[in-house]
PDB file of N, CA and C in Angstrom:
ATOM      1  N   UNK A   1     -11.108 -10.842  21.337  1.00  0.00           N
ATOM      2  CA  UNK A   1      -9.690 -10.589  21.440  1.00  0.00           C
ATOM      3  C   UNK A   1      -9.071 -10.372  20.064  1.00  0.00           C
ATOM      4  N   UNK A   2      -9.580 -11.066  19.056  1.00  0.00           N
ATOM      5  CA  UNK A   2      -9.059 -10.884  17.706  1.00  0.00           C
ATOM      6  C   UNK A   2      -9.336  -9.474  17.192  1.00  0.00           C
ATOM      7  N   UNK A   3     -10.484  -8.906  17.610  1.00  0.00           N
ATOM      8  CA  UNK A   3     -10.823  -7.554  17.181  1.00  0.00           C
ATOM      9  C   UNK A   3      -9.826  -6.542  17.737  1.00  0.00           C
ATOM     10  N   UNK A   4      -9.500  -6.666  19.018  1.00  0.00           N
ATOM     11  CA  UNK A   4      -8.535  -5.758  19.649  1.00  0.00           C
ATOM     12  C   UNK A   4      -7.185  -5.880  18.964  1.00  0.00           C
ATOM     13  N   UNK A   5      -6.770  -7.087  18.683  1.00  0.00           N
ATOM     14  CA  UNK A   5      -5.497  -7.315  17.999  1.00  0.00           C
ATOM     15  C   UNK A   5      -5.515  -6.686  16.608  1.00  0.00           C
ATOM     16  N   UNK A   6      -6.646  -6.831  15.912  1.00  0.00           N
ATOM     17  CA  UNK A   6      -6.759  -6.268  14.567  1.00  0.00           C
ATOM     18  C   UNK A   6      -6.715  -4.743  14.603  1.00  0.00           C
ATOM     19  N   UNK A   7      -7.386  -4.141  15.587  1.00  0.00           N
ATOM     20  CA  UNK A   7      -7.385  -2.680  15.702  1.00  0.00           C
ATOM     21  C   UNK A   7      -5.993  -2.171  16.042  1.00  0.00           C
ATOM     22  N   UNK A   8      -5.322  -2.829  16.980  1.00  0.00           N
ATOM     23  CA  UNK A   8      -3.993  -2.376  17.391  1.00  0.00           C
ATOM     24  C   UNK A   8      -2.952  -2.557  16.295  1.00  0.00           C
ATOM     25  N   UNK A   9      -3.157  -3.496  15.404  1.00  0.00           N
ATOM     26  CA  UNK A   9      -2.202  -3.720  14.327  1.00  0.00           C
ATOM     27  C   UNK A   9      -2.591  -3.037  13.021  1.00  0.00           C
ATOM     28  N   UNK A  10      -3.631  -2.239  13.044  1.00  0.00           N
ATOM     29  CA  UNK A  10      -4.054  -1.516  11.851  1.00  0.00           C
ATOM     30  C   UNK A  10      -3.087  -0.350  11.609  1.00  0.00           C
ATOM     31  N   UNK A  11      -2.689  -0.108  10.358  1.00  0.00           N
ATOM     32  CA  UNK A  11      -1.754   0.996  10.076  1.00  0.00           C
ATOM     33  C   UNK A  11      -2.273   2.364  10.511  1.00  0.00           C
ATOM     34  N   UNK A  12      -3.587   2.589  10.426  1.00  0.00           N
ATOM     35  CA  UNK A  12      -4.132   3.872  10.854  1.00  0.00           C
ATOM     36  C   UNK A  12      -3.943   4.070  12.353  1.00  0.00           C
ATOM     37  N   UNK A  13      -4.087   3.001  13.134  1.00  0.00           N
ATOM     38  CA  UNK A  13      -3.854   3.089  14.573  1.00  0.00           C
ATOM     39  C   UNK A  13      -2.418   3.503  14.840  1.00  0.00           C
ATOM     40  N   UNK A  14      -1.489   2.959  14.098  1.00  0.00           N
ATOM     41  CA  UNK A  14      -0.083   3.320  14.276  1.00  0.00           C
ATOM     42  C   UNK A  14       0.146   4.785  13.930  1.00  0.00           C
ATOM     43  N   UNK A  15      -0.511   5.280  12.877  1.00  0.00           N
ATOM     44  CA  UNK A  15      -0.380   6.689  12.509  1.00  0.00           C
ATOM     45  C   UNK A  15      -0.924   7.598  13.597  1.00  0.00           C
ATOM     46  N   UNK A  16      -2.086   7.259  14.130  1.00  0.00           N
ATOM     47  CA  UNK A  16      -2.692   8.088  15.169  1.00  0.00           C
ATOM     48  C   UNK A  16      -1.806   8.109  16.408  1.00  0.00           C
ATOM     49  N   UNK A  17      -1.264   6.971  16.788  1.00  0.00           N
ATOM     50  CA  UNK A  17      -0.366   6.934  17.940  1.00  0.00           C
ATOM     51  C   UNK A  17       0.902   7.731  17.670  1.00  0.00           C
ATOM     52  N   UNK A  18       1.406   7.674  16.455  1.00  0.00           N
ATOM     53  CA  UNK A  18       2.587   8.455  16.103  1.00  0.00           C
ATOM     54  C   UNK A  18       2.265   9.940  16.116  1.00  0.00           C
ATOM     55  N   UNK A  19       1.089  10.325  15.612  1.00  0.00           N
ATOM     56  CA  UNK A  19       0.676  11.726  15.680  1.00  0.00           C
ATOM     57  C   UNK A  19       0.581  12.192  17.122  1.00  0.00           C
ATOM     58  N   UNK A  20       0.066  11.347  18.006  1.00  0.00           N
ATOM     59  CA  UNK A  20      -0.043  11.716  19.417  1.00  0.00           C
ATOM     60  C   UNK A  20       1.338  11.924  20.027  1.00  0.00           C
ATOM     61  N   UNK A  21       2.269  11.036  19.733  1.00  0.00           N
ATOM     62  CA  UNK A  21       3.629  11.182  20.262  1.00  0.00           C
ATOM     63  C   UNK A  21       4.293  12.431  19.690  1.00  0.00           C
ATOM     64  N   UNK A  22       4.142  12.652  18.392  1.00  0.00           N
ATOM     65  CA  UNK A  22       4.693  13.860  17.785  1.00  0.00           C
ATOM     66  C   UNK A  22       4.018  15.104  18.346  1.00  0.00           C
ATOM     67  N   UNK A  23       2.725  15.004  18.597  1.00  0.00           N
ATOM     68  CA  UNK A  23       1.981  16.140  19.131  1.00  0.00           C
ATOM     69  C   UNK A  23       2.492  16.590  20.478  1.00  0.00           C
ATOM     70  N   UNK A  24       2.867  15.654  21.311  1.00  0.00           N
ATOM     71  CA  UNK A  24       3.424  16.011  22.615  1.00  0.00           C
ATOM     72  C   UNK A  24       4.714  16.794  22.430  1.00  0.00           C
ATOM     73  N   UNK A  25       5.599  16.274  21.609  1.00  0.00           N
ATOM     74  CA  UNK A  25       6.869  16.964  21.372  1.00  0.00           C
ATOM     75  C   UNK A  25       6.689  18.289  20.662  1.00  0.00           C
ATOM     76  N   UNK A  26       5.786  18.333  19.698  1.00  0.00           N
ATOM     77  CA  UNK A  26       5.528  19.557  18.950  1.00  0.00           C
ATOM     78  C   UNK A  26       4.935  20.621  19.861  1.00  0.00           C
ATOM     79  N   UNK A  27       4.018  20.243  20.729  1.00  0.00           N
ATOM     80  CA  UNK A  27       3.417  21.199  21.660  1.00  0.00           C
ATOM     81  C   UNK A  27       4.438  21.790  22.610  1.00  0.00           C
ATOM     82  N   UNK A  28       5.312  20.955  23.133  1.00  0.00           N
ATOM     83  CA  UNK A  28       6.360  21.436  24.040  1.00  0.00           C
ATOM     84  C   UNK A  28       7.325  22.346  23.281  1.00  0.00           C
ATOM     85  N   UNK A  29       7.706  21.953  22.063  1.00  0.00           N
ATOM     86  CA  UNK A  29       8.624  22.777  21.266  1.00  0.00           C
ATOM     87  C   UNK A  29       7.997  24.130  20.943  1.00  0.00           C
ATOM     88  N   UNK A  30       6.732  24.135  20.575  1.00  0.00           N
ATOM     89  CA  UNK A  30       6.057  25.398  20.260  1.00  0.00           C
ATOM     90  C   UNK A  30       5.968  26.285  21.489  1.00  0.00           C
ATOM     91  N   UNK A  31       5.733  25.688  22.634  1.00  0.00           N
ATOM     92  CA  UNK A  31       5.645  26.463  23.871  1.00  0.00           C
ATOM     93  C   UNK A  31       7.003  27.051  24.236  1.00  0.00           C
ATOM     94  N   UNK A  32       8.082  26.335  23.934  1.00  0.00           N
ATOM     95  CA  UNK A  32       9.420  26.840  24.215  1.00  0.00           C
ATOM     96  C   UNK A  32       9.836  27.934  23.232  1.00  0.00           C
ATOM     97  N   UNK A  33       9.318  27.898  22.014  1.00  0.00           N
ATOM     98  CA  UNK A  33       9.675  28.898  21.005  1.00  0.00           C
ATOM     99  C   UNK A  33       9.068  30.256  21.335  1.00  0.00           C
ATOM    100  N   UNK A  34       7.847  30.264  21.845  1.00  0.00           N
ATOM    101  CA  UNK A  34       7.140  31.507  22.143  1.00  0.00           C
ATOM    102  C   UNK A  34       7.717  32.101  23.424  1.00  0.00           C
ATOM    103  N   UNK A  35       8.214  33.350  23.380  1.00  0.00           N
ATOM    104  CA  UNK A  35       8.743  33.956  24.606  1.00  0.00           C
ATOM    105  C   UNK A  35       7.620  34.352  25.558  1.00  0.00           C
ATOM    106  N   UNK A  36       7.956  34.480  26.812  1.00  0.00           N
ATOM    107  CA  UNK A  36       6.989  34.875  27.828  1.00  0.00           C
ATOM    108  C   UNK A  36       6.383  33.672  28.515  1.00  0.00           C
ATOM    109  N   UNK A  37       5.677  33.962  29.583  1.00  0.00           N
ATOM    110  CA  UNK A  37       5.070  32.869  30.340  1.00  0.00           C
ATOM    111  C   UNK A  37       3.673  32.598  29.803  1.00  0.00           C
ATOM    112  N   UNK A  38       3.404  31.352  29.565  1.00  0.00           N
ATOM    113  CA  UNK A  38       2.082  30.926  29.115  1.00  0.00           C
ATOM    114  C   UNK A  38       1.346  30.334  30.304  1.00  0.00           C
ATOM    115  N   UNK A  39       0.128  30.752  30.489  1.00  0.00           N
ATOM    116  CA  UNK A  39      -0.661  30.258  31.611  1.00  0.00           C
ATOM    117  C   UNK A  39      -1.508  29.066  31.200  1.00  0.00           C
ATOM    118  N   UNK A  40      -0.981  28.249  30.287  1.00  0.00           N
ATOM    119  CA  UNK A  40      -1.742  27.072  29.883  1.00  0.00           C
ATOM    120  C   UNK A  40      -1.074  25.830  30.427  1.00  0.00           C
ATOM    121  N   UNK A  41      -1.892  24.868  30.758  1.00  0.00           N
ATOM    122  CA  UNK A  41      -1.377  23.647  31.352  1.00  0.00           C
ATOM    123  C   UNK A  41      -0.911  22.651  30.309  1.00  0.00           C
ATOM    124  N   UNK A  42      -0.524  21.489  30.822  1.00  0.00           N
ATOM    125  CA  UNK A  42       0.000  20.440  29.952  1.00  0.00           C
ATOM    126  C   UNK A  42      -1.065  19.897  29.012  1.00  0.00           C
ATOM    127  N   UNK A  43      -2.300  19.835  29.467  1.00  0.00           N
ATOM    128  CA  UNK A  43      -3.362  19.285  28.617  1.00  0.00           C
ATOM    129  C   UNK A  43      -3.565  20.170  27.392  1.00  0.00           C
ATOM    130  N   UNK A  44      -3.631  21.483  27.595  1.00  0.00           N
ATOM    131  CA  UNK A  44      -3.792  22.393  26.463  1.00  0.00           C
ATOM    132  C   UNK A  44      -2.558  22.363  25.564  1.00  0.00           C
ATOM    133  N   UNK A  45      -1.374  22.241  26.165  1.00  0.00           N
ATOM    134  CA  UNK A  45      -0.147  22.139  25.375  1.00  0.00           C
ATOM    135  C   UNK A  45      -0.190  20.910  24.483  1.00  0.00           C
ATOM    136  N   UNK A  46      -0.603  19.785  25.044  1.00  0.00           N
ATOM    137  CA  UNK A  46      -0.685  18.547  24.267  1.00  0.00           C
ATOM    138  C   UNK A  46      -1.743  18.675  23.173  1.00  0.00           C
ATOM    139  N   UNK A  47      -2.895  19.263  23.496  1.00  0.00           N
ATOM    140  CA  UNK A  47      -3.951  19.412  22.491  1.00  0.00           C
ATOM    141  C   UNK A  47      -3.524  20.330  21.352  1.00  0.00           C
ATOM    142  N   UNK A  48      -2.858  21.445  21.684  1.00  0.00           N
ATOM    143  CA  UNK A  48      -2.362  22.329  20.629  1.00  0.00           C
ATOM    144  C   UNK A  48      -1.268  21.643  19.822  1.00  0.00           C
ATOM    145  N   UNK A  49      -0.442  20.853  20.495  1.00  0.00           N
ATOM    146  CA  UNK A  49       0.585  20.089  19.787  1.00  0.00           C
ATOM    147  C   UNK A  49      -0.021  19.053  18.862  1.00  0.00           C
ATOM    148  N   UNK A  50      -1.065  18.374  19.332  1.00  0.00           N
ATOM    149  CA  UNK A  50      -1.755  17.404  18.475  1.00  0.00           C
ATOM    150  C   UNK A  50      -2.357  18.090  17.255  1.00  0.00           C
ATOM    151  N   UNK A  51      -2.975  19.247  17.482  1.00  0.00           N
ATOM    152  CA  UNK A  51      -3.563  19.978  16.356  1.00  0.00           C
ATOM    153  C   UNK A  51      -2.480  20.427  15.382  1.00  0.00           C
ATOM    154  N   UNK A  52      -1.361  20.931  15.906  1.00  0.00           N
ATOM    155  CA  UNK A  52      -0.257  21.338  15.038  1.00  0.00           C
ATOM    156  C   UNK A  52       0.351  20.164  14.304  1.00  0.00           C
ATOM    157  N   UNK A  53       0.483  19.046  14.995  1.00  0.00           N
ATOM    158  CA  UNK A  53       1.017  17.843  14.369  1.00  0.00           C
ATOM    159  C   UNK A  53       0.071  17.341  13.283  1.00  0.00           C
ATOM    160  N   UNK A  54      -1.226  17.368  13.568  1.00  0.00           N
ATOM    161  CA  UNK A  54      -2.200  16.958  12.562  1.00  0.00           C
ATOM    162  C   UNK A  54      -2.130  17.872  11.345  1.00  0.00           C
ATOM    163  N   UNK A  55      -2.068  19.189  11.594  1.00  0.00           N
ATOM    164  CA  UNK A  55      -1.976  20.124  10.473  1.00  0.00           C
ATOM    165  C   UNK A  55      -0.714  19.879   9.657  1.00  0.00           C
ATOM    166  N   UNK A  56       0.392  19.646  10.343  1.00  0.00           N
ATOM    167  CA  UNK A  56       1.638  19.367   9.637  1.00  0.00           C
ATOM    168  C   UNK A  56       1.551  18.110   8.807  1.00  0.00           C
ATOM    169  N   UNK A  57       0.988  17.060   9.379  1.00  0.00           N
ATOM    170  CA  UNK A  57       0.875  15.793   8.658  1.00  0.00           C
ATOM    171  C   UNK A  57      -0.175  15.841   7.560  1.00  0.00           C
ATOM    172  N   UNK A  58      -1.150  16.702   7.705  1.00  0.00           N
ATOM    173  CA  UNK A  58      -2.191  16.822   6.688  1.00  0.00           C
ATOM    174  C   UNK A  58      -1.761  17.767   5.562  1.00  0.00           C
ATOM    175  N   UNK A  59      -1.132  18.892   5.930  1.00  0.00           N
ATOM    176  CA  UNK A  59      -0.813  19.912   4.940  1.00  0.00           C
ATOM    177  C   UNK A  59       0.491  19.676   4.191  1.00  0.00           C
ATOM    178  N   UNK A  60       1.428  18.941   4.783  1.00  0.00           N
ATOM    179  CA  UNK A  60       2.719  18.727   4.123  1.00  0.00           C
ATOM    180  C   UNK A  60       2.566  18.111   2.741  1.00  0.00           C
ATOM    181  N   UNK A  61       1.831  17.008   2.579  1.00  0.00           N
ATOM    182  CA  UNK A  61       1.684  16.451   1.224  1.00  0.00           C
ATOM    183  C   UNK A  61       0.935  17.380   0.268  1.00  0.00           C
ATOM    184  N   UNK A  62       0.010  18.180   0.799  1.00  0.00           N
ATOM    185  CA  UNK A  62      -0.780  19.069  -0.050  1.00  0.00           C
ATOM    186  C   UNK A  62       0.051  20.272  -0.505  1.00  0.00           C
ATOM    187  N   UNK A  63       0.755  20.912   0.435  1.00  0.00           N
ATOM    188  CA  UNK A  63       1.500  22.125   0.115  1.00  0.00           C
ATOM    189  C   UNK A  63       2.722  21.864  -0.753  1.00  0.00           C
ATOM    190  N   UNK A  64       3.403  20.754  -0.509  1.00  0.00           N
ATOM    191  CA  UNK A  64       4.674  20.513  -1.176  1.00  0.00           C
ATOM    192  C   UNK A  64       4.612  19.399  -2.217  1.00  0.00           C
ATOM    193  N   UNK A  65       3.436  18.873  -2.477  1.00  0.00           N
ATOM    194  CA  UNK A  65       3.254  17.773  -3.433  1.00  0.00           C
ATOM    195  C   UNK A  65       4.163  16.595  -3.132  1.00  0.00           C
ATOM    196  N   UNK A  66       4.398  16.367  -1.848  1.00  0.00           N
ATOM    197  CA  UNK A  66       5.195  15.226  -1.422  1.00  0.00           C
ATOM    198  C   UNK A  66       4.279  14.037  -1.200  1.00  0.00           C
ATOM    199  N   UNK A  67       4.815  12.836  -1.255  1.00  0.00           N
ATOM    200  CA  UNK A  67       4.013  11.672  -0.868  1.00  0.00           C
ATOM    201  C   UNK A  67       3.593  11.784   0.599  1.00  0.00           C
ATOM    202  N   UNK A  68       2.521  11.123   0.950  1.00  0.00           N
ATOM    203  CA  UNK A  68       1.971  11.243   2.305  1.00  0.00           C
ATOM    204  C   UNK A  68       2.955  10.807   3.377  1.00  0.00           C
ATOM    205  N   UNK A  69       3.851   9.855   3.077  1.00  0.00           N
ATOM    206  CA  UNK A  69       4.766   9.404   4.116  1.00  0.00           C
ATOM    207  C   UNK A  69       5.814  10.463   4.462  1.00  0.00           C
ATOM    208  N   UNK A  70       5.979  11.504   3.644  1.00  0.00           N
ATOM    209  CA  UNK A  70       6.911  12.587   3.973  1.00  0.00           C
ATOM    210  C   UNK A  70       6.419  13.408   5.157  1.00  0.00           C
ATOM    211  N   UNK A  71       5.137  13.316   5.466  1.00  0.00           N
ATOM    212  CA  UNK A  71       4.616  14.062   6.603  1.00  0.00           C
ATOM    213  C   UNK A  71       5.280  13.622   7.894  1.00  0.00           C
ATOM    214  N   UNK A  72       5.772  12.395   7.947  1.00  0.00           N
ATOM    215  CA  UNK A  72       6.466  11.898   9.127  1.00  0.00           C
ATOM    216  C   UNK A  72       7.977  12.034   8.955  1.00  0.00           C
ATOM    217  N   UNK A  73       8.404  13.082   8.285  1.00  0.00           N
ATOM    218  CA  UNK A  73       9.820  13.349   8.091  1.00  0.00           C
ATOM    219  C   UNK A  73      10.184  14.602   8.890  1.00  0.00           C
ATOM    220  N   UNK A  74      11.437  15.023   8.784  1.00  0.00           N
ATOM    221  CA  UNK A  74      11.862  16.237   9.489  1.00  0.00           C
ATOM    222  C   UNK A  74      11.090  17.447   8.990  1.00  0.00           C
ATOM    223  N   UNK A  75      10.782  17.469   7.700  1.00  0.00           N
ATOM    224  CA  UNK A  75      10.010  18.577   7.155  1.00  0.00           C
ATOM    225  C   UNK A  75       8.607  18.606   7.748  1.00  0.00           C
ATOM    226  N   UNK A  76       7.980  17.452   7.843  1.00  0.00           N
ATOM    227  CA  UNK A  76       6.645  17.373   8.428  1.00  0.00           C
ATOM    228  C   UNK A  76       6.636  17.764   9.892  1.00  0.00           C
ATOM    229  N   UNK A  77       7.677  17.353  10.621  1.00  0.00           N
ATOM    230  CA  UNK A  77       7.781  17.731  12.032  1.00  0.00           C
ATOM    231  C   UNK A  77       7.970  19.236  12.148  1.00  0.00           C
ATOM    232  N   UNK A  78       8.803  19.805  11.275  1.00  0.00           N
ATOM    233  CA  UNK A  78       9.008  21.257  11.289  1.00  0.00           C
ATOM    234  C   UNK A  78       7.732  22.014  11.001  1.00  0.00           C
ATOM    235  N   UNK A  79       6.956  21.528  10.041  1.00  0.00           N
ATOM    236  CA  UNK A  79       5.679  22.168   9.735  1.00  0.00           C
ATOM    237  C   UNK A  79       4.709  21.984  10.897  1.00  0.00           C
ATOM    238  N   UNK A  80       4.767  20.833  11.560  1.00  0.00           N
ATOM    239  CA  UNK A  80       3.937  20.621  12.748  1.00  0.00           C
ATOM    240  C   UNK A  80       4.287  21.596  13.856  1.00  0.00           C
ATOM    241  N   UNK A  81       5.589  21.833  14.065  1.00  0.00           N
ATOM    242  CA  UNK A  81       6.019  22.803  15.076  1.00  0.00           C
ATOM    243  C   UNK A  81       5.555  24.203  14.693  1.00  0.00           C
ATOM    244  N   UNK A  82       5.675  24.550  13.406  1.00  0.00           N
ATOM    245  CA  UNK A  82       5.211  25.863  12.957  1.00  0.00           C
ATOM    246  C   UNK A  82       3.703  26.007  13.160  1.00  0.00           C
ATOM    247  N   UNK A  83       2.949  24.967  12.824  1.00  0.00           N
ATOM    248  CA  UNK A  83       1.503  25.017  13.024  1.00  0.00           C
ATOM    249  C   UNK A  83       1.126  25.135  14.488  1.00  0.00           C
ATOM    250  N   UNK A  84       1.814  24.390  15.347  1.00  0.00           N
ATOM    251  CA  UNK A  84       1.527  24.467  16.779  1.00  0.00           C
ATOM    252  C   UNK A  84       1.932  25.821  17.340  1.00  0.00           C
ATOM    253  N   UNK A  85       3.023  26.401  16.820  1.00  0.00           N
ATOM    254  CA  UNK A  85       3.436  27.729  17.269  1.00  0.00           C
ATOM    255  C   UNK A  85       2.367  28.756  16.925  1.00  0.00           C
ATOM    256  N   UNK A  86       1.818  28.669  15.732  1.00  0.00           N
ATOM    257  CA  UNK A  86       0.728  29.567  15.345  1.00  0.00           C
ATOM    258  C   UNK A  86      -0.473  29.354  16.261  1.00  0.00           C
ATOM    259  N   UNK A  87      -0.788  28.105  16.570  1.00  0.00           N
ATOM    260  CA  UNK A  87      -1.927  27.828  17.453  1.00  0.00           C
ATOM    261  C   UNK A  87      -1.680  28.344  18.867  1.00  0.00           C
ATOM    262  N   UNK A  88      -0.437  28.274  19.353  1.00  0.00           N
ATOM    263  CA  UNK A  88      -0.120  28.822  20.676  1.00  0.00           C
ATOM    264  C   UNK A  88      -0.291  30.341  20.657  1.00  0.00           C
ATOM    265  N   UNK A  89       0.143  30.994  19.579  1.00  0.00           N
ATOM    266  CA  UNK A  89      -0.047  32.443  19.466  1.00  0.00           C
ATOM    267  C   UNK A  89      -1.530  32.803  19.407  1.00  0.00           C
ATOM    268  N   UNK A  90      -2.308  32.045  18.644  1.00  0.00           N
ATOM    269  CA  UNK A  90      -3.756  32.279  18.587  1.00  0.00           C
ATOM    270  C   UNK A  90      -4.369  32.067  19.963  1.00  0.00           C
ATOM    271  N   UNK A  91      -3.930  31.036  20.665  1.00  0.00           N
ATOM    272  CA  UNK A  91      -4.416  30.778  22.016  1.00  0.00           C
ATOM    273  C   UNK A  91      -4.101  31.954  22.938  1.00  0.00           C
ATOM    274  N   UNK A  92      -2.909  32.523  22.795  1.00  0.00           N
ATOM    275  CA  UNK A  92      -2.518  33.660  23.635  1.00  0.00           C
ATOM    276  C   UNK A  92      -3.420  34.856  23.371  1.00  0.00           C
ATOM    277  N   UNK A  93      -3.702  35.136  22.100  1.00  0.00           N
ATOM    278  CA  UNK A  93      -4.553  36.272  21.742  1.00  0.00           C
ATOM    279  C   UNK A  93      -5.977  36.053  22.239  1.00  0.00           C
ATOM    280  N   UNK A  94      -6.498  34.851  22.072  1.00  0.00           N
ATOM    281  CA  UNK A  94      -7.883  34.565  22.455  1.00  0.00           C
ATOM    282  C   UNK A  94      -8.056  34.598  23.966  1.00  0.00           C
ATOM    283  N   UNK A  95      -7.107  34.052  24.711  1.00  0.00           N
ATOM    284  CA  UNK A  95      -7.273  33.979  26.164  1.00  0.00           C
ATOM    285  C   UNK A  95      -6.975  35.295  26.856  1.00  0.00           C
ATOM    286  N   UNK A  96      -6.262  36.217  26.214  1.00  0.00           N
ATOM    287  CA  UNK A  96      -5.969  37.510  26.839  1.00  0.00           C
ATOM    288  C   UNK A  96      -7.082  38.517  26.646  1.00  0.00           C
ATOM    289  N   UNK A  97      -7.939  38.305  25.670  1.00  0.00           N
ATOM    290  CA  UNK A  97      -8.986  39.297  25.414  1.00  0.00           C
ATOM    291  C   UNK A  97     -10.257  38.983  26.142  1.00  0.00           C
TER     292      UNK A  97
END
């Protein structure tokens, strides 16, 4: 039981859970930004959102020389939405061909 408590209270666990929550919102936002009907389900939307959120949280400190905690700011969320939007467009191109 102490192990479970230690894992759940680890800062990395909190980051991953926050990325997952942001990924859901980012995926939905990216899907709403792209015009037209997308034939992808919620699971793919969440996965693309997670990937976009991860890219935003990973690339924000690298691209802008910001501290890592800025990735969880409005700028990081915006970059996550942009990354997920690009991934939705790539998904559209790949699945149509």
